[in-house]
Amino acid sequence: MSEPRPGVPDPVPPYASGPELDTKVSVLAPTSAAGGLAAFLEATRPSGDRTAASGDSAPPFAPVRLEVIGALSAALLADSALARDPATVAVAYWMRPAQTRRLAADFERRVVAEPEVVRVPVGRVLHIAPANVDTLFIYSWALSFLCGNANLVRVSQDHGPIVAAILRAIDRVARDHEELRARDAFITYAHDDRVTSALSAWCSHRVIWGGSEAVAGLRPLALAPNASERTFGTKFSYSVFEASRYLAGGETERARVASAFFNDFFWFDQMACSSPHVVFWVGAERDFDPAVTAFEKALQGEVDRKAFVPAVSSAVQRRAFAFELAASATLRVELGRPGFVGVRVPSPAGLDRETCGGGFLRHCRLDRLEDLVRFGGEGDQTVTHFGFGPHELRSLARALGARGVDRVVPVGEALAFDVVWDGYDLLDDFTRRVRLRTE
């Protein structure tokens, strides 16, 4: 075998064969679908003599597809284990009929606004889901499904009980819905470039959710010449609070903010790209310590109220991370909160974007809201806010967006999924525009 030449990338591995795919890939749902993965790939490839049930796409937001998503929403809420998981409840409510009708209405407005364009499904979508956010694969798949596509969703082999229960719910719904059973598959396999190459050759659009290293490893795997791709790599997120307005709020207001921040901060062990890692406090120096103390007291109160017990590994990790930071910088570490660790950083110059997760939070003061713009960068995603008016926030979004920030949303909405994610419109990604001239 010849040695690779400097500056020349390694060759893309040859595609896995059909029998090899069926050996290496486990189809998790729908288990009632006929044949293995190779049969699924063949049945969903475009062909002029196939029926709509097996080969051709339904139009975007077809009633039969809205019905499937509504049935899955009900199935998730009816599962006793999933109904106790806040993230799954959130995705189930996001898929309820009232919400999907709003999505359909939004899509119809786009259609009306472009009379010389016919929107059609992009075709066949390969979703590669992250391991650290259990429910993200459902949002990605559901939008693509509603847009009329055939879908192949790869979930991590290390998925936990929540993902397993969601897949069982999908399996139950698929038994009664041919539209889901024939054109969608949820799979898992060990990292294998030959398998991923074969799946990439099948799809007309590939969407990769994961850490930047995972994205970098998958992007060299070739797509079909006319296929498209969207990648979502590692991002960094933070919050900004107006200190005096927070202090002016009563106990009820602070409890409400703590409840909202709890969801942003603790879900997915603070490892989602939109989870905040820093709270910037805008205001006078005299307000900084009182605001941080009041905020952390309220947040610990929410931790106690919800009887939230962090994993032992998370507690050890965040303390070790705090001690490491304290050894290399001037900062104040608070270890008195059993639910999390708070660190006060004197200046934004002392902040980096290294993350710990598991309940580690840094606080930093700014004189003015516009000072936050100097911190923003292309690797940033979500800024949650409290205490600022619409005009201030629009100016902030314009300035931060120019530096790379994707979202500016109220505290409590960091993890709320939207069709526009990381600055890209997924409804546009999952459909194609066919130009139409009638005269």
Protein backbone atom coordinates (compact mmCIF):
# COMPACT_ATOMS: atom_id res chain seq x y z
CA MET A 1 0.00 0.00 0.00
CA SER A 2 1.42 3.40 -0.94
CA GLU A 3 2.04 6.07 1.68
CA PRO A 4 -0.32 9.10 1.57
CA ARG A 5 1.17 12.15 -0.12
CA PRO A 6 1.62 15.29 2.02
CA GLY A 7 -1.30 17.65 1.60
CA VAL A 8 -3.44 15.00 -0.10
CA PRO A 9 -6.43 13.78 1.93
CA ASP A 10 -6.89 10.08 2.55
CA PRO A 11 -9.11 8.46 -0.08
CA VAL A 12 -12.78 8.03 0.75
CA PRO A 13 -13.34 4.39 1.74
CA PRO A 14 -15.32 2.24 -0.70
CA TYR A 15 -19.00 1.89 0.02
CA ALA A 16 -20.25 -1.00 2.08
CA SER A 17 -22.27 -3.52 0.09
CA GLY A 18 -25.92 -4.32 0.73
CA PRO A 19 -25.22 -7.53 2.68
CA GLU A 20 -22.51 -5.75 4.67
CA LEU A 21 -24.95 -2.96 5.61
CA ASP A 22 -27.47 -5.46 6.90
CA THR A 23 -24.76 -7.08 9.00
CA LYS A 24 -23.27 -3.91 10.46
CA VAL A 25 -26.36 -1.73 10.88
CA SER A 26 -29.19 -2.34 13.35
CA VAL A 27 -32.61 -1.01 12.36
CA LEU A 28 -34.15 0.20 15.64
CA ALA A 29 -37.47 1.39 14.24
CA PRO A 30 -39.78 0.71 12.55
CA THR A 31 -39.20 -2.97 13.28
CA SER A 32 -42.32 -3.84 11.28
CA ALA A 33 -40.81 -2.56 8.00
CA ALA A 34 -40.08 -5.26 5.41
CA GLY A 35 -36.46 -6.26 4.80
CA GLY A 36 -33.24 -4.80 6.18
CA LEU A 37 -31.43 -1.54 5.56
CA ALA A 38 -30.32 -2.49 2.04
CA ALA A 39 -33.95 -3.12 1.09
CA PHE A 40 -34.95 0.24 2.58
CA LEU A 41 -32.30 2.11 0.58
CA GLU A 42 -33.39 0.42 -2.63
CA ALA A 43 -37.10 1.02 -2.01
CA THR A 44 -36.64 4.73 -1.35
CA ARG A 45 -34.38 5.52 -4.29
CA PRO A 46 -36.23 7.49 -6.99
CA SER A 47 -37.66 5.48 -9.85
CA GLY A 48 -40.29 6.29 -12.43
CA ASP A 49 -42.21 3.04 -12.01
CA ARG A 50 -42.58 3.06 -8.22
CA THR A 51 -45.82 3.84 -6.43
CA ALA A 52 -46.17 6.83 -4.16
CA ALA A 53 -46.25 4.53 -1.13
CA SER A 54 -42.74 3.24 -1.70
CA GLY A 55 -40.73 5.58 -3.86
CA ASP A 56 -42.23 9.03 -4.47
CA SER A 57 -42.54 11.78 -1.90
CA ALA A 58 -45.71 13.18 -0.43
CA PRO A 59 -45.97 16.97 -0.84
CA PRO A 60 -44.75 19.11 2.06
CA PHE A 61 -47.15 19.14 5.01
CA ALA A 62 -49.45 16.54 3.49
CA PRO A 63 -52.37 15.68 5.83
CA VAL A 64 -51.19 12.08 6.17
CA ARG A 65 -47.85 13.30 7.50
CA LEU A 66 -49.42 15.78 9.91
CA GLU A 67 -51.49 12.87 11.21
CA VAL A 68 -48.38 10.75 11.86
CA ILE A 69 -46.63 13.51 13.80
CA GLY A 70 -49.76 14.10 15.88
CA ALA A 71 -49.99 10.38 16.64
CA LEU A 72 -46.36 10.29 17.74
CA SER A 73 -46.89 13.34 19.98
CA ALA A 74 -49.75 11.52 21.71
CA ALA A 75 -47.71 8.32 22.01
CA LEU A 76 -44.82 10.13 23.71
CA LEU A 77 -47.14 11.80 26.22
CA ALA A 78 -48.90 8.51 26.91
CA ASP A 79 -45.67 6.74 27.86
CA SER A 80 -45.34 6.96 31.66
CA ALA A 81 -41.52 7.03 31.62
CA LEU A 82 -41.29 9.64 28.86
CA ALA A 83 -43.98 11.80 30.44
CA ARG A 84 -41.60 12.27 33.39
CA ASP A 85 -38.76 13.49 31.16
CA PRO A 86 -39.09 17.27 30.60
CA ALA A 87 -37.15 17.26 27.32
CA THR A 88 -39.38 14.57 25.83
CA VAL A 89 -42.50 16.38 27.00
CA ALA A 90 -41.16 19.50 25.29
CA VAL A 91 -40.67 17.69 21.97
CA ALA A 92 -44.09 16.06 22.27
CA TYR A 93 -45.74 19.46 22.73
CA TRP A 94 -43.71 20.84 19.84
CA MET A 95 -45.23 18.08 17.64
CA ARG A 96 -48.82 18.45 18.83
CA PRO A 97 -51.40 19.22 16.09
CA ALA A 98 -51.80 22.88 17.06
CA GLN A 99 -48.08 23.46 16.58
CA THR A 100 -47.76 21.51 13.32
CA ARG A 101 -50.73 23.44 11.92
CA ARG A 102 -48.80 26.64 12.68
CA LEU A 103 -45.76 25.23 10.88
CA ALA A 104 -47.97 24.31 7.92
CA ALA A 105 -49.46 27.82 7.87
CA ASP A 106 -45.97 29.33 7.93
CA PHE A 107 -44.96 27.11 5.03
CA GLU A 108 -48.09 28.10 3.07
CA ARG A 109 -47.25 31.79 3.57
CA ARG A 110 -43.87 31.12 2.00
CA VAL A 111 -45.55 29.40 -0.94
CA VAL A 112 -47.95 32.31 -1.48
CA ALA A 113 -45.07 34.79 -1.29
CA GLU A 114 -43.32 33.02 -4.21
CA PRO A 115 -45.96 32.43 -6.91
CA GLU A 116 -43.30 31.46 -9.46
CA VAL A 117 -41.87 28.74 -7.23
CA VAL A 118 -43.19 25.25 -6.48
CA ARG A 119 -41.79 23.76 -3.27
CA VAL A 120 -41.04 20.04 -3.34
CA PRO A 121 -39.27 17.70 -0.88
CA VAL A 122 -35.49 17.60 -1.14
CA GLY A 123 -35.89 13.81 -1.42
CA ARG A 124 -33.84 11.56 0.86
CA VAL A 125 -32.36 12.94 4.07
CA LEU A 126 -29.65 11.34 6.19
CA HIS A 127 -29.66 12.63 9.78
CA ILE A 128 -26.60 11.93 11.94
CA ALA A 129 -27.68 12.74 15.49
CA PRO A 130 -25.54 13.81 18.46
CA ALA A 131 -25.05 11.63 21.52
CA ASN A 132 -25.32 14.43 24.09
CA VAL A 133 -28.85 15.74 23.39
CA ASP A 134 -31.36 12.91 23.58
CA THR A 135 -34.29 14.45 21.74
CA LEU A 136 -32.59 16.46 19.00
CA PHE A 137 -32.90 13.67 16.43
CA ILE A 138 -36.70 13.86 16.71
CA TYR A 139 -36.85 17.58 15.87
CA SER A 140 -34.59 17.12 12.85
CA TRP A 141 -36.47 14.07 11.59
CA ALA A 142 -39.96 15.51 12.23
CA LEU A 143 -39.31 18.66 10.19
CA SER A 144 -37.88 16.65 7.32
CA PHE A 145 -40.76 14.16 7.52
CA LEU A 146 -43.32 16.99 7.42
CA CYS A 147 -41.54 18.35 4.33
CA GLY A 148 -42.28 15.05 2.56
CA ASN A 149 -38.87 13.37 2.59
CA ALA A 150 -37.70 9.81 3.08
CA ASN A 151 -35.46 9.76 6.16
CA LEU A 152 -32.63 7.72 7.56
CA VAL A 153 -31.71 8.67 11.15
CA ARG A 154 -28.52 7.40 12.74
CA VAL A 155 -28.53 7.53 16.57
CA SER A 156 -25.57 6.78 18.78
CA GLN A 157 -24.91 3.23 19.90
CA ASP A 158 -24.52 4.70 23.39
CA HIS A 159 -28.06 6.07 23.47
CA GLY A 160 -29.76 5.86 26.83
CA PRO A 161 -33.18 4.75 28.06
CA ILE A 162 -34.94 7.94 26.93
CA VAL A 163 -33.93 7.45 23.28
CA ALA A 164 -34.80 3.76 23.53
CA ALA A 165 -38.29 4.61 24.82
CA ILE A 166 -38.80 7.21 22.06
CA LEU A 167 -37.83 4.63 19.45
CA ARG A 168 -40.33 2.17 20.90
CA ALA A 169 -43.02 4.85 20.61
CA ILE A 170 -42.05 5.45 16.96
CA ASP A 171 -42.26 1.71 16.38
CA ARG A 172 -45.79 1.55 17.82
CA VAL A 173 -46.98 4.47 15.69
CA ALA A 174 -45.40 2.98 12.54
CA ARG A 175 -47.50 -0.19 12.86
CA ASP A 176 -50.60 1.87 12.06
CA HIS A 177 -49.08 4.32 9.57
CA GLU A 178 -47.66 3.08 6.28
CA GLU A 179 -46.34 6.57 5.50
CA LEU A 180 -43.90 6.22 8.40
CA ARG A 181 -43.25 2.50 8.05
CA ALA A 182 -42.27 2.57 4.37
CA ARG A 183 -40.12 5.69 4.11
CA ASP A 184 -38.30 6.18 7.41
CA ALA A 185 -35.73 4.18 9.34
CA PHE A 186 -33.97 4.83 12.65
CA ILE A 187 -30.68 2.98 12.82
CA THR A 188 -27.45 2.62 14.77
CA TYR A 189 -24.00 1.25 13.98
CA ALA A 190 -20.43 1.55 15.18
CA HIS A 191 -18.42 4.35 13.61
CA ASP A 192 -17.61 2.99 10.16
CA ASP A 193 -16.71 5.22 7.21
CA ARG A 194 -17.67 2.51 4.70
CA VAL A 195 -21.21 2.39 6.09
CA THR A 196 -21.54 6.17 6.35
CA SER A 197 -20.24 6.52 2.79
CA ALA A 198 -22.91 4.16 1.51
CA LEU A 199 -25.64 6.07 3.33
CA SER A 200 -24.21 9.39 2.11
CA ALA A 201 -24.33 8.14 -1.47
CA TRP A 202 -28.04 7.33 -0.98
CA CYS A 203 -29.14 10.71 0.37
CA SER A 204 -29.93 13.94 -1.45
CA HIS A 205 -29.36 15.97 1.73
CA ARG A 206 -27.16 15.17 4.73
CA VAL A 207 -27.51 16.87 8.09
CA ILE A 208 -24.85 16.30 10.75
CA TRP A 209 -25.44 17.24 14.38
CA GLY A 210 -22.49 16.81 16.70
CA GLY A 211 -19.21 18.10 18.03
CA SER A 212 -16.88 19.90 15.68
CA GLU A 213 -14.48 16.93 15.65
CA ALA A 214 -17.29 14.59 14.60
CA VAL A 215 -18.37 16.99 11.87
CA ALA A 216 -14.80 17.33 10.61
CA GLY A 217 -14.49 13.55 10.45
CA LEU A 218 -17.70 13.07 8.48
CA ARG A 219 -17.56 15.94 6.00
CA PRO A 220 -14.86 14.34 3.79
CA LEU A 221 -17.19 11.40 3.10
CA ALA A 222 -18.53 12.08 -0.37
CA LEU A 223 -22.11 12.92 -1.21
CA ALA A 224 -23.82 12.36 -4.55
CA PRO A 225 -22.88 15.15 -6.99
CA ASN A 226 -26.23 16.95 -6.66
CA ALA A 227 -26.70 16.41 -2.92
CA SER A 228 -26.58 19.17 -0.30
CA GLU A 229 -25.44 19.26 3.30
CA ARG A 230 -25.93 21.15 6.56
CA THR A 231 -23.65 20.70 9.55
CA PHE A 232 -24.11 21.81 13.15
CA GLY A 233 -20.85 21.66 15.10
CA THR A 234 -19.81 22.72 18.58
CA LYS A 235 -21.15 26.07 19.76
CA PHE A 236 -20.84 28.21 22.92
CA SER A 237 -23.73 30.02 24.62
CA TYR A 238 -24.23 32.48 27.47
CA SER A 239 -26.72 34.78 29.21
CA VAL A 240 -26.90 38.52 29.81
CA PHE A 241 -28.81 40.09 32.74
CA GLU A 242 -29.49 43.71 33.64
CA ALA A 243 -28.26 43.68 37.24
CA SER A 244 -30.32 46.51 38.73
CA ARG A 245 -33.55 45.26 37.17
CA TYR A 246 -32.89 41.79 38.51
CA LEU A 247 -32.26 43.16 42.00
CA ALA A 248 -35.44 45.24 41.77
CA GLY A 249 -37.52 42.12 41.18
CA GLY A 250 -39.22 40.48 44.13
CA GLU A 251 -38.91 36.90 45.33
CA THR A 252 -41.65 35.76 42.94
CA GLU A 253 -39.85 37.22 39.93
CA ARG A 254 -36.52 35.75 40.98
CA ALA A 255 -38.13 32.34 41.43
CA ARG A 256 -39.64 32.58 37.94
CA VAL A 257 -36.28 33.47 36.42
CA ALA A 258 -34.58 30.65 38.34
CA SER A 259 -37.14 28.14 37.05
CA ALA A 260 -36.55 29.29 33.47
CA PHE A 261 -32.76 29.28 33.87
CA PHE A 262 -32.87 25.81 35.43
CA ASN A 263 -34.23 24.37 32.18
CA ASP A 264 -31.60 26.17 30.09
CA PHE A 265 -28.78 25.15 32.41
CA PHE A 266 -29.39 21.64 33.72
CA TRP A 267 -31.13 19.82 30.85
CA PHE A 268 -28.74 17.51 29.00
CA ASP A 269 -26.18 18.06 31.78
CA GLN A 270 -25.38 21.52 30.35
CA MET A 271 -23.84 19.87 27.27
CA ALA A 272 -26.26 21.16 24.61
CA CYS A 273 -24.74 23.85 22.38
CA SER A 274 -27.40 26.31 23.54
CA SER A 275 -26.83 25.70 27.28
CA PRO A 276 -25.41 28.84 28.97
CA HIS A 277 -21.93 28.72 30.52
CA VAL A 278 -21.54 32.39 31.51
CA VAL A 279 -23.91 34.99 32.94
CA PHE A 280 -22.88 38.54 32.04
CA TRP A 281 -24.25 41.10 34.49
CA VAL A 282 -24.65 44.58 33.01
CA GLY A 283 -24.53 47.42 35.51
CA ALA A 284 -22.62 49.17 38.26
CA GLU A 285 -19.89 47.35 40.18
CA ARG A 286 -21.84 47.75 43.42
CA ASP A 287 -24.70 45.64 41.97
CA PHE A 288 -22.57 42.73 40.77
CA ASP A 289 -22.02 40.75 43.98
CA PRO A 290 -25.56 41.28 45.35
CA ALA A 291 -27.09 40.23 42.01
CA VAL A 292 -24.96 37.10 41.71
CA THR A 293 -25.66 36.13 45.34
CA ALA A 294 -29.41 36.61 44.92
CA PHE A 295 -29.42 34.74 41.60
CA GLU A 296 -27.47 31.75 42.93
CA LYS A 297 -29.69 31.58 46.03
CA ALA A 298 -32.80 31.49 43.83
CA LEU A 299 -31.28 28.91 41.47
CA GLN A 300 -30.31 26.65 44.37
CA GLY A 301 -33.86 27.07 45.65
CA GLU A 302 -35.16 25.78 42.33
CA VAL A 303 -32.73 22.86 42.50
CA ASP A 304 -34.08 22.03 45.97
CA ARG A 305 -37.70 22.49 44.91
CA LYS A 306 -37.29 20.05 42.05
CA ALA A 307 -35.25 17.67 44.22
CA PHE A 308 -32.64 17.67 41.49
CA VAL A 309 -29.60 15.59 42.40
CA PRO A 310 -26.68 15.96 39.98
CA ALA A 311 -24.63 12.92 39.08
CA VAL A 312 -21.63 12.35 41.34
CA SER A 313 -19.37 12.43 38.29
CA SER A 314 -20.68 15.89 37.39
CA ALA A 315 -20.07 17.21 40.91
CA VAL A 316 -16.49 15.94 40.90
CA GLN A 317 -15.82 17.21 37.38
CA ARG A 318 -17.04 20.77 38.00
CA ARG A 319 -15.07 21.11 41.25
CA ALA A 320 -11.89 19.87 39.59
CA PHE A 321 -12.48 22.30 36.73
CA ALA A 322 -13.00 25.16 39.20
CA PHE A 323 -9.78 24.38 41.05
CA GLU A 324 -7.88 24.25 37.77
CA LEU A 325 -9.22 27.67 36.79
CA ALA A 326 -8.46 29.12 40.21
CA ALA A 327 -4.85 27.99 39.91
CA SER A 328 -4.35 29.90 36.67
CA ALA A 329 -6.47 33.05 37.07
CA THR A 330 -7.77 35.59 39.56
CA LEU A 331 -11.35 34.65 40.30
CA ARG A 332 -13.71 33.83 43.13
CA VAL A 333 -15.09 30.32 43.39
CA GLU A 334 -18.26 29.55 45.37
CA LEU A 335 -18.57 25.91 46.44
CA GLY A 336 -21.47 26.34 48.86
CA ARG A 337 -24.20 25.43 46.36
CA PRO A 338 -24.67 21.64 46.18
CA GLY A 339 -26.49 21.84 42.84
CA PHE A 340 -23.82 23.74 40.92
CA VAL A 341 -20.56 25.67 41.12
CA GLY A 342 -20.47 29.43 40.58
CA VAL A 343 -17.30 31.34 39.67
CA ARG A 344 -16.98 35.13 39.60
CA VAL A 345 -14.57 36.37 36.95
CA PRO A 346 -13.40 39.98 37.41
CA SER A 347 -13.13 40.85 33.72
CA PRO A 348 -14.24 39.47 30.33
CA ALA A 349 -10.54 39.32 29.49
CA GLY A 350 -10.34 36.40 31.93
CA LEU A 351 -12.97 34.35 30.11
CA ASP A 352 -12.39 31.61 27.58
CA ARG A 353 -14.76 29.20 25.83
CA GLU A 354 -13.59 26.03 27.51
CA THR A 355 -16.62 24.20 28.88
CA CYS A 356 -17.09 21.84 31.79
CA GLY A 357 -20.81 21.07 31.86
CA GLY A 358 -22.53 19.38 34.76
CA GLY A 359 -23.54 22.63 36.46
CA PHE A 360 -20.53 24.94 36.13
CA LEU A 361 -21.37 28.65 35.77
CA ARG A 362 -19.20 31.73 35.41
CA HIS A 363 -20.33 35.27 36.25
CA CYS A 364 -18.79 38.41 34.79
CA ARG A 365 -19.71 42.10 34.93
CA LEU A 366 -20.05 44.53 32.01
CA ASP A 367 -20.51 48.28 32.23
CA ARG A 368 -22.83 48.44 29.22
CA LEU A 369 -24.80 45.98 27.12
CA GLU A 370 -22.85 46.88 23.99
CA ASP A 371 -19.66 45.69 25.74
CA LEU A 372 -20.91 42.15 25.18
CA VAL A 373 -20.34 42.55 21.44
CA ARG A 374 -16.57 42.41 21.91
CA PHE A 375 -16.94 38.96 23.46
CA GLY A 376 -19.13 37.52 20.68
CA GLY A 377 -17.60 35.29 18.02
CA GLU A 378 -18.31 32.87 15.18
CA GLY A 379 -18.36 29.89 17.52
CA ASP A 380 -21.20 31.33 19.61
CA GLN A 381 -24.81 30.28 19.29
CA THR A 382 -27.42 31.42 21.85
CA VAL A 383 -27.59 34.47 24.10
CA THR A 384 -30.43 34.36 26.63
CA HIS A 385 -31.46 37.65 28.18
CA PHE A 386 -33.29 39.24 31.11
CA GLY A 387 -34.15 42.86 31.87
CA PHE A 388 -33.64 44.57 28.50
CA GLY A 389 -36.11 46.24 26.14
CA PRO A 390 -36.87 45.35 22.50
CA HIS A 391 -34.83 48.22 21.05
CA GLU A 392 -31.75 47.29 23.11
CA LEU A 393 -32.08 43.64 22.15
CA ARG A 394 -32.53 44.33 18.44
CA SER A 395 -29.37 46.43 18.43
CA LEU A 396 -27.57 43.70 20.34
CA ALA A 397 -28.78 40.98 17.95
CA ARG A 398 -27.65 43.01 14.94
CA ALA A 399 -24.17 43.59 16.38
CA LEU A 400 -23.68 40.09 17.81
CA GLY A 401 -25.12 38.47 14.70
CA ALA A 402 -22.54 40.23 12.57
CA ARG A 403 -19.87 38.56 14.72
CA GLY A 404 -21.45 35.11 14.40
CA VAL A 405 -24.06 34.72 17.18
CA ASP A 406 -27.17 32.87 15.95
CA ARG A 407 -29.92 33.44 18.53
CA VAL A 408 -30.96 36.03 21.13
CA VAL A 409 -33.89 34.69 23.17
CA PRO A 410 -35.43 35.14 26.65
CA VAL A 411 -34.10 33.15 29.59
CA GLY A 412 -35.89 29.80 29.58
CA GLU A 413 -35.87 29.43 25.78
CA ALA A 414 -32.26 28.39 25.22
CA LEU A 415 -33.27 24.83 24.32
CA ALA A 416 -36.54 25.69 22.55
CA PHE A 417 -36.19 24.30 19.04
CA ASP A 418 -37.06 26.45 16.04
CA VAL A 419 -37.09 25.94 12.28
CA VAL A 420 -34.32 28.54 12.09
CA TRP A 421 -31.32 27.00 13.84
CA ASP A 422 -27.73 28.23 13.94
CA GLY A 423 -28.78 30.88 11.45
CA TYR A 424 -30.14 28.44 8.85
CA ASP A 425 -33.76 27.78 7.86
CA LEU A 426 -34.41 24.04 8.01
CA LEU A 427 -37.64 24.31 6.00
CA ASP A 428 -35.49 25.66 3.19
CA ASP A 429 -32.94 22.87 3.70
CA PHE A 430 -35.55 20.11 3.58
CA THR A 431 -37.29 21.37 0.43
CA ARG A 432 -36.26 22.42 -3.07
CA ARG A 433 -37.59 25.31 -5.11
CA VAL A 434 -38.79 24.44 -8.61
CA ARG A 435 -38.95 27.57 -10.74
CA LEU A 436 -42.27 27.86 -12.59
CA ARG A 437 -43.18 30.17 -15.49
CA THR A 438 -46.69 29.73 -16.90
CA GLU A 439 -46.37 32.13 -19.81
